[in-house]
Amino acid sequence: MTPERYRRICETLDRRQPDLTVIMDGVHKPHNIAAIVRTCDAVGILDVHAILPNNRARMAAGTAMGSQRWVKVHKHEESTSVIRELQGQGVQVLAAHLSDTAVPYREVDYSKPTALLLGTEKFGVSDEAAAAVDQHVIIPMMGMVESFNVSVAAAIVLSEACEQRRAKGLYDQPRLDAQRYQQLLFRWGHARIARLCDAHGVPYPELDEEGQVKDSAALTALLQKSE
């Protein structure tokens, strides 16, 4: 890993937002999943949740998600338990959903711990998820169509969340806990060595100030063990 790449990784981790996430409730088209995950990376989201049915769409979606190195996608069977778990952690869960109680998306405070729930491409947010979330949000429409593509809607709402958080200074200092920060720093910078360590149950070697492995002897022994 070059010093320049090391600094780039550190700068990215410094801006990650551990209390901002997305729940993809049944979104299954690979191009939509990939686009949403890419937007999540762009606004500093580290973890997203995907509710995927146990059918062929699950495999297709999993393939799309596997190409994303910088965002961790947690796969689940149903949405309600995920919503409840996040709410139990003090996270407001917002559904992009047209209803009588929905508010324009810019009227929400995204500097609070927030999860944005997005429904399926064809049917939108399920009745169960709509009832479980804290608030419904809408993007005002000026044309004949009633909604944006799900990945476009995600980008619009998350851009607002990003701007609000930027204004509050939430990107100005690291917000990840130290242990996870160091784990990700190693995995992103030394992916092959990290895989070997994980496979053999070996702790990640310590890095120096330029992102290089300090203990070369330990690294050599690990590489030899894998041969």
C-alpha atoms as a PDB file:
ATOM      1  CA  MET A   1       0.000   0.000   0.000  1.00  0.00           C
ATOM      2  CA  THR A   2       1.426   3.356  -1.016  1.00  0.00           C
ATOM      3  CA  PRO A   3       1.464   6.286   1.438  1.00  0.00           C
ATOM      4  CA  GLU A   4      -0.999   8.100  -0.829  1.00  0.00           C
ATOM      5  CA  ARG A   5      -3.483   5.221  -0.750  1.00  0.00           C
ATOM      6  CA  TYR A   6      -3.042   4.918   3.004  1.00  0.00           C
ATOM      7  CA  ARG A   7      -3.954   8.587   3.450  1.00  0.00           C
ATOM      8  CA  ARG A   8      -6.961   8.215   1.125  1.00  0.00           C
ATOM      9  CA  ILE A   9      -8.268   5.270   3.129  1.00  0.00           C
ATOM     10  CA  CYS A  10      -7.771   7.132   6.411  1.00  0.00           C
ATOM     11  CA  GLU A  11      -9.570  10.198   5.062  1.00  0.00           C
ATOM     12  CA  THR A  12     -12.484   8.016   3.946  1.00  0.00           C
ATOM     13  CA  LEU A  13     -12.739   6.243   7.300  1.00  0.00           C
ATOM     14  CA  ASP A  14     -12.566   9.606   9.078  1.00  0.00           C
ATOM     15  CA  ARG A  15     -15.789  10.606   7.301  1.00  0.00           C
ATOM     16  CA  ARG A  16     -17.759   7.391   7.780  1.00  0.00           C
ATOM     17  CA  GLN A  17     -21.105   7.863   9.546  1.00  0.00           C
ATOM     18  CA  PRO A  18     -21.849   4.883  11.815  1.00  0.00           C
ATOM     19  CA  ASP A  19     -25.324   6.216  12.671  1.00  0.00           C
ATOM     20  CA  LEU A  20     -26.576   6.641   9.102  1.00  0.00           C
ATOM     21  CA  THR A  21     -27.790   3.616   7.154  1.00  0.00           C
ATOM     22  CA  VAL A  22     -30.177   2.333   4.487  1.00  0.00           C
ATOM     23  CA  ILE A  23     -32.618  -0.573   4.559  1.00  0.00           C
ATOM     24  CA  MET A  24     -33.383  -2.013   1.109  1.00  0.00           C
ATOM     25  CA  ASP A  25     -36.657  -3.830   1.752  1.00  0.00           C
ATOM     26  CA  GLY A  26     -36.981  -6.201  -1.196  1.00  0.00           C
ATOM     27  CA  VAL A  27     -34.989  -4.132  -3.693  1.00  0.00           C
ATOM     28  CA  HIS A  28     -33.695  -6.935  -5.905  1.00  0.00           C
ATOM     29  CA  LYS A  29     -32.535  -5.614  -9.265  1.00  0.00           C
ATOM     30  CA  PRO A  30     -28.714  -5.755  -9.283  1.00  0.00           C
ATOM     31  CA  HIS A  31     -28.287  -2.373 -10.980  1.00  0.00           C
ATOM     32  CA  ASN A  32     -30.487  -0.678  -8.377  1.00  0.00           C
ATOM     33  CA  ILE A  33     -28.693  -2.335  -5.477  1.00  0.00           C
ATOM     34  CA  ALA A  34     -25.301  -1.411  -6.901  1.00  0.00           C
ATOM     35  CA  ALA A  35     -26.401   2.199  -7.461  1.00  0.00           C
ATOM     36  CA  ILE A  36     -27.781   2.536  -3.926  1.00  0.00           C
ATOM     37  CA  VAL A  37     -24.641   1.057  -2.366  1.00  0.00           C
ATOM     38  CA  ARG A  38     -22.489   3.376  -4.462  1.00  0.00           C
ATOM     39  CA  THR A  39     -24.483   6.376  -3.208  1.00  0.00           C
ATOM     40  CA  CYS A  40     -24.098   5.105   0.348  1.00  0.00           C
ATOM     41  CA  ASP A  41     -20.333   5.070  -0.063  1.00  0.00           C
ATOM     42  CA  ALA A  42     -20.421   8.585  -1.500  1.00  0.00           C
ATOM     43  CA  VAL A  43     -22.216  10.029   1.539  1.00  0.00           C
ATOM     44  CA  GLY A  44     -20.123   8.147   4.091  1.00  0.00           C
ATOM     45  CA  ILE A  45     -22.397   5.230   4.974  1.00  0.00           C
ATOM     46  CA  LEU A  46     -20.558   2.147   6.146  1.00  0.00           C
ATOM     47  CA  ASP A  47     -23.352  -0.403   6.734  1.00  0.00           C
ATOM     48  CA  VAL A  48     -26.552  -1.063   4.798  1.00  0.00           C
ATOM     49  CA  HIS A  49     -29.265  -3.676   5.265  1.00  0.00           C
ATOM     50  CA  ALA A  50     -30.830  -5.723   2.490  1.00  0.00           C
ATOM     51  CA  ILE A  51     -34.076  -7.630   2.971  1.00  0.00           C
ATOM     52  CA  LEU A  52     -33.972 -10.290   0.289  1.00  0.00           C
ATOM     53  CA  PRO A  53     -36.547 -13.002  -0.397  1.00  0.00           C
ATOM     54  CA  ASN A  54     -35.350 -16.579  -0.568  1.00  0.00           C
ATOM     55  CA  ASN A  55     -35.571 -16.859  -4.340  1.00  0.00           C
ATOM     56  CA  ARG A  56     -33.495 -16.317  -7.469  1.00  0.00           C
ATOM     57  CA  ALA A  57     -33.411 -12.543  -6.948  1.00  0.00           C
ATOM     58  CA  ARG A  58     -31.396 -13.134  -3.765  1.00  0.00           C
ATOM     59  CA  MET A  59     -28.525 -14.663  -5.704  1.00  0.00           C
ATOM     60  CA  ALA A  60     -28.553 -11.894  -8.337  1.00  0.00           C
ATOM     61  CA  ALA A  61     -28.573  -9.204  -5.681  1.00  0.00           C
ATOM     62  CA  GLY A  62     -25.815 -10.919  -3.741  1.00  0.00           C
ATOM     63  CA  THR A  63     -23.620 -10.848  -6.812  1.00  0.00           C
ATOM     64  CA  ALA A  64     -24.128  -7.099  -7.204  1.00  0.00           C
ATOM     65  CA  MET A  65     -23.395  -6.483  -3.545  1.00  0.00           C
ATOM     66  CA  GLY A  66     -20.207  -8.520  -3.636  1.00  0.00           C
ATOM     67  CA  SER A  67     -18.599  -5.987  -5.957  1.00  0.00           C
ATOM     68  CA  GLN A  68     -18.808  -3.245  -3.321  1.00  0.00           C
ATOM     69  CA  ARG A  69     -15.659  -3.245  -1.173  1.00  0.00           C
ATOM     70  CA  TRP A  70     -16.313  -0.151   0.869  1.00  0.00           C
ATOM     71  CA  VAL A  71     -19.822  -0.705   2.201  1.00  0.00           C
ATOM     72  CA  LYS A  72     -20.863  -3.696   4.306  1.00  0.00           C
ATOM     73  CA  VAL A  73     -24.200  -5.166   3.212  1.00  0.00           C
ATOM     74  CA  HIS A  74     -26.019  -7.122   5.912  1.00  0.00           C
ATOM     75  CA  LYS A  75     -28.589  -9.534   4.464  1.00  0.00           C
ATOM     76  CA  HIS A  76     -31.818 -10.359   6.294  1.00  0.00           C
ATOM     77  CA  GLU A  77     -34.978 -12.385   5.679  1.00  0.00           C
ATOM     78  CA  GLU A  78     -37.530  -9.788   6.807  1.00  0.00           C
ATOM     79  CA  SER A  79     -37.649  -6.109   7.616  1.00  0.00           C
ATOM     80  CA  THR A  80     -39.574  -5.682  10.856  1.00  0.00           C
ATOM     81  CA  SER A  81     -36.888  -7.137  13.117  1.00  0.00           C
ATOM     82  CA  VAL A  82     -34.265  -4.915  11.492  1.00  0.00           C
ATOM     83  CA  ILE A  83     -36.447  -1.844  11.984  1.00  0.00           C
ATOM     84  CA  ARG A  84     -37.073  -2.715  15.632  1.00  0.00           C
ATOM     85  CA  GLU A  85     -33.411  -3.400  16.303  1.00  0.00           C
ATOM     86  CA  LEU A  86     -32.350  -0.042  14.883  1.00  0.00           C
ATOM     87  CA  GLN A  87     -35.098   1.781  16.748  1.00  0.00           C
ATOM     88  CA  GLY A  88     -33.882   0.108  19.933  1.00  0.00           C
ATOM     89  CA  GLN A  89     -30.491   1.675  19.280  1.00  0.00           C
ATOM     90  CA  GLY A  90     -32.057   5.135  19.106  1.00  0.00           C
ATOM     91  CA  VAL A  91     -32.180   5.312  15.304  1.00  0.00           C
ATOM     92  CA  GLN A  92     -35.108   7.038  13.584  1.00  0.00           C
ATOM     93  CA  VAL A  93     -36.306   4.864  10.713  1.00  0.00           C
ATOM     94  CA  LEU A  94     -37.773   6.780   7.759  1.00  0.00           C
ATOM     95  CA  ALA A  95     -39.598   5.130   4.888  1.00  0.00           C
ATOM     96  CA  ALA A  96     -39.697   6.697   1.438  1.00  0.00           C
ATOM     97  CA  HIS A  97     -43.423   6.140   1.164  1.00  0.00           C
ATOM     98  CA  LEU A  98     -46.447   8.122  -0.017  1.00  0.00           C
ATOM     99  CA  SER A  99     -49.081   8.261   2.721  1.00  0.00           C
ATOM    100  CA  ASP A 100     -51.400  10.705   4.473  1.00  0.00           C
ATOM    101  CA  THR A 101     -48.771  11.261   7.181  1.00  0.00           C
ATOM    102  CA  ALA A 102     -45.749  11.624   4.892  1.00  0.00           C
ATOM    103  CA  VAL A 103     -43.686  14.821   5.075  1.00  0.00           C
ATOM    104  CA  PRO A 104     -41.382  16.333   2.441  1.00  0.00           C
ATOM    105  CA  TYR A 105     -37.959  14.757   2.853  1.00  0.00           C
ATOM    106  CA  ARG A 106     -36.218  18.099   3.531  1.00  0.00           C
ATOM    107  CA  GLU A 107     -38.305  18.642   6.671  1.00  0.00           C
ATOM    108  CA  VAL A 108     -36.524  15.835   8.527  1.00  0.00           C
ATOM    109  CA  ASP A 109     -33.437  16.235  10.747  1.00  0.00           C
ATOM    110  CA  TYR A 110     -30.900  13.770   9.333  1.00  0.00           C
ATOM    111  CA  SER A 111     -28.195  14.765  11.787  1.00  0.00           C
ATOM    112  CA  LYS A 112     -29.961  12.404  14.200  1.00  0.00           C
ATOM    113  CA  PRO A 113     -29.166   8.678  13.953  1.00  0.00           C
ATOM    114  CA  THR A 114     -31.144   7.742  10.836  1.00  0.00           C
ATOM    115  CA  ALA A 115     -32.082   4.768   8.685  1.00  0.00           C
ATOM    116  CA  LEU A 116     -33.747   5.283   5.308  1.00  0.00           C
ATOM    117  CA  LEU A 117     -36.012   2.425   4.238  1.00  0.00           C
ATOM    118  CA  LEU A 118     -36.662   1.871   0.533  1.00  0.00           C
ATOM    119  CA  GLY A 119     -39.308  -0.508  -0.813  1.00  0.00           C
ATOM    120  CA  THR A 120     -39.353  -2.848  -3.796  1.00  0.00           C
ATOM    121  CA  GLU A 121     -39.113  -1.568  -7.349  1.00  0.00           C
ATOM    122  CA  LYS A 122     -42.664  -2.644  -8.275  1.00  0.00           C
ATOM    123  CA  PHE A 123     -44.696  -2.462  -5.071  1.00  0.00           C
ATOM    124  CA  GLY A 124     -42.831   0.013  -2.872  1.00  0.00           C
ATOM    125  CA  VAL A 125     -42.801  -0.211   0.922  1.00  0.00           C
ATOM    126  CA  SER A 126     -44.715  -3.126   2.420  1.00  0.00           C
ATOM    127  CA  ASP A 127     -47.639  -2.514   4.771  1.00  0.00           C
ATOM    128  CA  GLU A 128     -45.715  -4.121   7.634  1.00  0.00           C
ATOM    129  CA  ALA A 129     -42.666  -1.915   7.170  1.00  0.00           C
ATOM    130  CA  ALA A 130     -44.782   1.215   6.678  1.00  0.00           C
ATOM    131  CA  ALA A 131     -46.488   0.569   9.991  1.00  0.00           C
ATOM    132  CA  ALA A 132     -43.233  -0.134  11.853  1.00  0.00           C
ATOM    133  CA  VAL A 133     -41.168   2.924  10.862  1.00  0.00           C
ATOM    134  CA  ASP A 134     -41.139   6.270  12.658  1.00  0.00           C
ATOM    135  CA  GLN A 135     -41.981   8.549   9.735  1.00  0.00           C
ATOM    136  CA  HIS A 136     -42.846   8.487   6.040  1.00  0.00           C
ATOM    137  CA  VAL A 137     -41.053  10.909   3.731  1.00  0.00           C
ATOM    138  CA  ILE A 138     -41.811  11.935   0.165  1.00  0.00           C
ATOM    139  CA  ILE A 139     -39.955  13.712  -2.610  1.00  0.00           C
ATOM    140  CA  PRO A 140     -42.296  16.346  -4.104  1.00  0.00           C
ATOM    141  CA  MET A 141     -42.994  15.596  -7.763  1.00  0.00           C
ATOM    142  CA  MET A 142     -43.633  18.225 -10.447  1.00  0.00           C
ATOM    143  CA  GLY A 143     -44.532  15.983 -13.381  1.00  0.00           C
ATOM    144  CA  MET A 144     -46.943  13.239 -14.375  1.00  0.00           C
ATOM    145  CA  VAL A 145     -45.070  10.317 -12.825  1.00  0.00           C
ATOM    146  CA  GLU A 146     -45.688   9.546  -9.153  1.00  0.00           C
ATOM    147  CA  SER A 147     -42.244   8.409  -8.038  1.00  0.00           C
ATOM    148  CA  PHE A 148     -38.549   8.285  -8.847  1.00  0.00           C
ATOM    149  CA  ASN A 149     -36.616   5.112  -9.532  1.00  0.00           C
ATOM    150  CA  VAL A 150     -35.645   3.636  -6.150  1.00  0.00           C
ATOM    151  CA  SER A 151     -31.922   4.289  -6.606  1.00  0.00           C
ATOM    152  CA  VAL A 152     -32.596   7.885  -7.676  1.00  0.00           C
ATOM    153  CA  ALA A 153     -34.855   8.426  -4.663  1.00  0.00           C
ATOM    154  CA  ALA A 154     -32.100   7.094  -2.412  1.00  0.00           C
ATOM    155  CA  ALA A 155     -29.584   9.510  -3.920  1.00  0.00           C
ATOM    156  CA  ILE A 156     -31.890  12.506  -3.487  1.00  0.00           C
ATOM    157  CA  VAL A 157     -32.712  11.830   0.167  1.00  0.00           C
ATOM    158  CA  LEU A 158     -29.164  10.815   1.108  1.00  0.00           C
ATOM    159  CA  SER A 159     -27.763  13.955  -0.510  1.00  0.00           C
ATOM    160  CA  GLU A 160     -29.959  15.994   1.824  1.00  0.00           C
ATOM    161  CA  ALA A 161     -28.773  13.905   4.772  1.00  0.00           C
ATOM    162  CA  CYS A 162     -25.181  14.494   3.706  1.00  0.00           C
ATOM    163  CA  GLU A 163     -25.607  18.254   3.468  1.00  0.00           C
ATOM    164  CA  GLN A 164     -27.293  18.486   6.859  1.00  0.00           C
ATOM    165  CA  ARG A 165     -24.571  16.429   8.469  1.00  0.00           C
ATOM    166  CA  ARG A 166     -21.857  18.435   6.744  1.00  0.00           C
ATOM    167  CA  ALA A 167     -23.410  21.644   8.114  1.00  0.00           C
ATOM    168  CA  LYS A 168     -23.391  20.166  11.630  1.00  0.00           C
ATOM    169  CA  GLY A 169     -19.713  19.192  11.344  1.00  0.00           C
ATOM    170  CA  LEU A 170     -20.349  15.449  11.480  1.00  0.00           C
ATOM    171  CA  TYR A 171     -17.771  14.789   8.775  1.00  0.00           C
ATOM    172  CA  ASP A 172     -15.079  16.839  10.490  1.00  0.00           C
ATOM    173  CA  GLN A 173     -13.784  14.192  12.892  1.00  0.00           C
ATOM    174  CA  PRO A 174     -13.646  10.377  13.002  1.00  0.00           C
ATOM    175  CA  ARG A 175     -16.836   8.838  14.372  1.00  0.00           C
ATOM    176  CA  LEU A 176     -16.032   5.119  14.170  1.00  0.00           C
ATOM    177  CA  ASP A 177     -14.886   3.341  17.307  1.00  0.00           C
ATOM    178  CA  ALA A 178     -11.133   2.726  17.325  1.00  0.00           C
ATOM    179  CA  GLN A 179     -11.308  -1.063  17.005  1.00  0.00           C
ATOM    180  CA  ARG A 180     -13.496  -1.086  13.921  1.00  0.00           C
ATOM    181  CA  TYR A 181     -11.534   1.776  12.401  1.00  0.00           C
ATOM    182  CA  GLN A 182      -8.297  -0.216  12.657  1.00  0.00           C
ATOM    183  CA  GLN A 183      -9.914  -3.396  11.344  1.00  0.00           C
ATOM    184  CA  LEU A 184     -11.276  -1.630   8.290  1.00  0.00           C
ATOM    185  CA  LEU A 185      -8.046   0.237   7.735  1.00  0.00           C
ATOM    186  CA  PHE A 186      -6.206  -3.063   7.528  1.00  0.00           C
ATOM    187  CA  ARG A 187      -8.839  -4.833   5.427  1.00  0.00           C
ATOM    188  CA  TRP A 188      -9.087  -2.007   2.914  1.00  0.00           C
ATOM    189  CA  GLY A 189      -5.345  -1.500   2.690  1.00  0.00           C
ATOM    190  CA  HIS A 190      -4.150  -5.095   2.856  1.00  0.00           C
ATOM    191  CA  ALA A 191      -7.077  -7.166   1.625  1.00  0.00           C
ATOM    192  CA  ARG A 192      -5.075 -10.323   0.797  1.00  0.00           C
ATOM    193  CA  ILE A 193      -3.267 -10.389   4.126  1.00  0.00           C
ATOM    194  CA  ALA A 194      -6.537  -9.710   5.952  1.00  0.00           C
ATOM    195  CA  ARG A 195      -8.147 -12.721   4.254  1.00  0.00           C
ATOM    196  CA  LEU A 196      -5.234 -14.908   5.331  1.00  0.00           C
ATOM    197  CA  CYS A 197      -5.451 -13.655   8.897  1.00  0.00           C
ATOM    198  CA  ASP A 198      -9.189 -14.295   8.986  1.00  0.00           C
ATOM    199  CA  ALA A 199      -8.762 -17.782   7.525  1.00  0.00           C
ATOM    200  CA  HIS A 200      -6.133 -18.755  10.139  1.00  0.00           C
ATOM    201  CA  GLY A 201      -7.636 -16.903  13.084  1.00  0.00           C
ATOM    202  CA  VAL A 202      -4.618 -14.634  13.353  1.00  0.00           C
ATOM    203  CA  PRO A 203      -4.911 -11.014  14.596  1.00  0.00           C
ATOM    204  CA  TYR A 204      -4.107  -8.360  12.025  1.00  0.00           C
ATOM    205  CA  PRO A 205      -0.487  -7.179  12.231  1.00  0.00           C
ATOM    206  CA  GLU A 206       0.109  -3.626  13.440  1.00  0.00           C
ATOM    207  CA  LEU A 207       0.643  -0.927  10.817  1.00  0.00           C
ATOM    208  CA  ASP A 208       3.194   1.862  10.899  1.00  0.00           C
ATOM    209  CA  GLU A 209       2.494   5.544  10.231  1.00  0.00           C
ATOM    210  CA  GLU A 210       2.583   4.954   6.462  1.00  0.00           C
ATOM    211  CA  GLY A 211       0.250   1.971   6.496  1.00  0.00           C
ATOM    212  CA  GLN A 212       2.913  -0.727   6.166  1.00  0.00           C
ATOM    213  CA  VAL A 213       3.005  -3.890   8.275  1.00  0.00           C
ATOM    214  CA  LYS A 214       5.427  -3.328  11.155  1.00  0.00           C
ATOM    215  CA  ASP A 215       6.337  -6.928  11.985  1.00  0.00           C
ATOM    216  CA  SER A 216       7.712  -8.321   8.740  1.00  0.00           C
ATOM    217  CA  ALA A 217       8.707 -11.597  10.419  1.00  0.00           C
ATOM    218  CA  ALA A 218       5.118 -12.276  11.494  1.00  0.00           C
ATOM    219  CA  LEU A 219       3.890 -11.437   8.007  1.00  0.00           C
ATOM    220  CA  THR A 220       6.428 -13.785   6.418  1.00  0.00           C
ATOM    221  CA  ALA A 221       5.375 -16.595   8.735  1.00  0.00           C
ATOM    222  CA  LEU A 222       1.719 -16.036   7.855  1.00  0.00           C
ATOM    223  CA  LEU A 223       2.429 -16.081   4.128  1.00  0.00           C
ATOM    224  CA  GLN A 224       4.456 -19.282   4.473  1.00  0.00           C
ATOM    225  CA  LYS A 225       1.654 -20.871   6.462  1.00  0.00           C
ATOM    226  CA  SER A 226      -0.756 -20.221   3.620  1.00  0.00           C
ATOM    227  CA  GLU A 227       1.400 -21.910   0.990  1.00  0.00           C
END
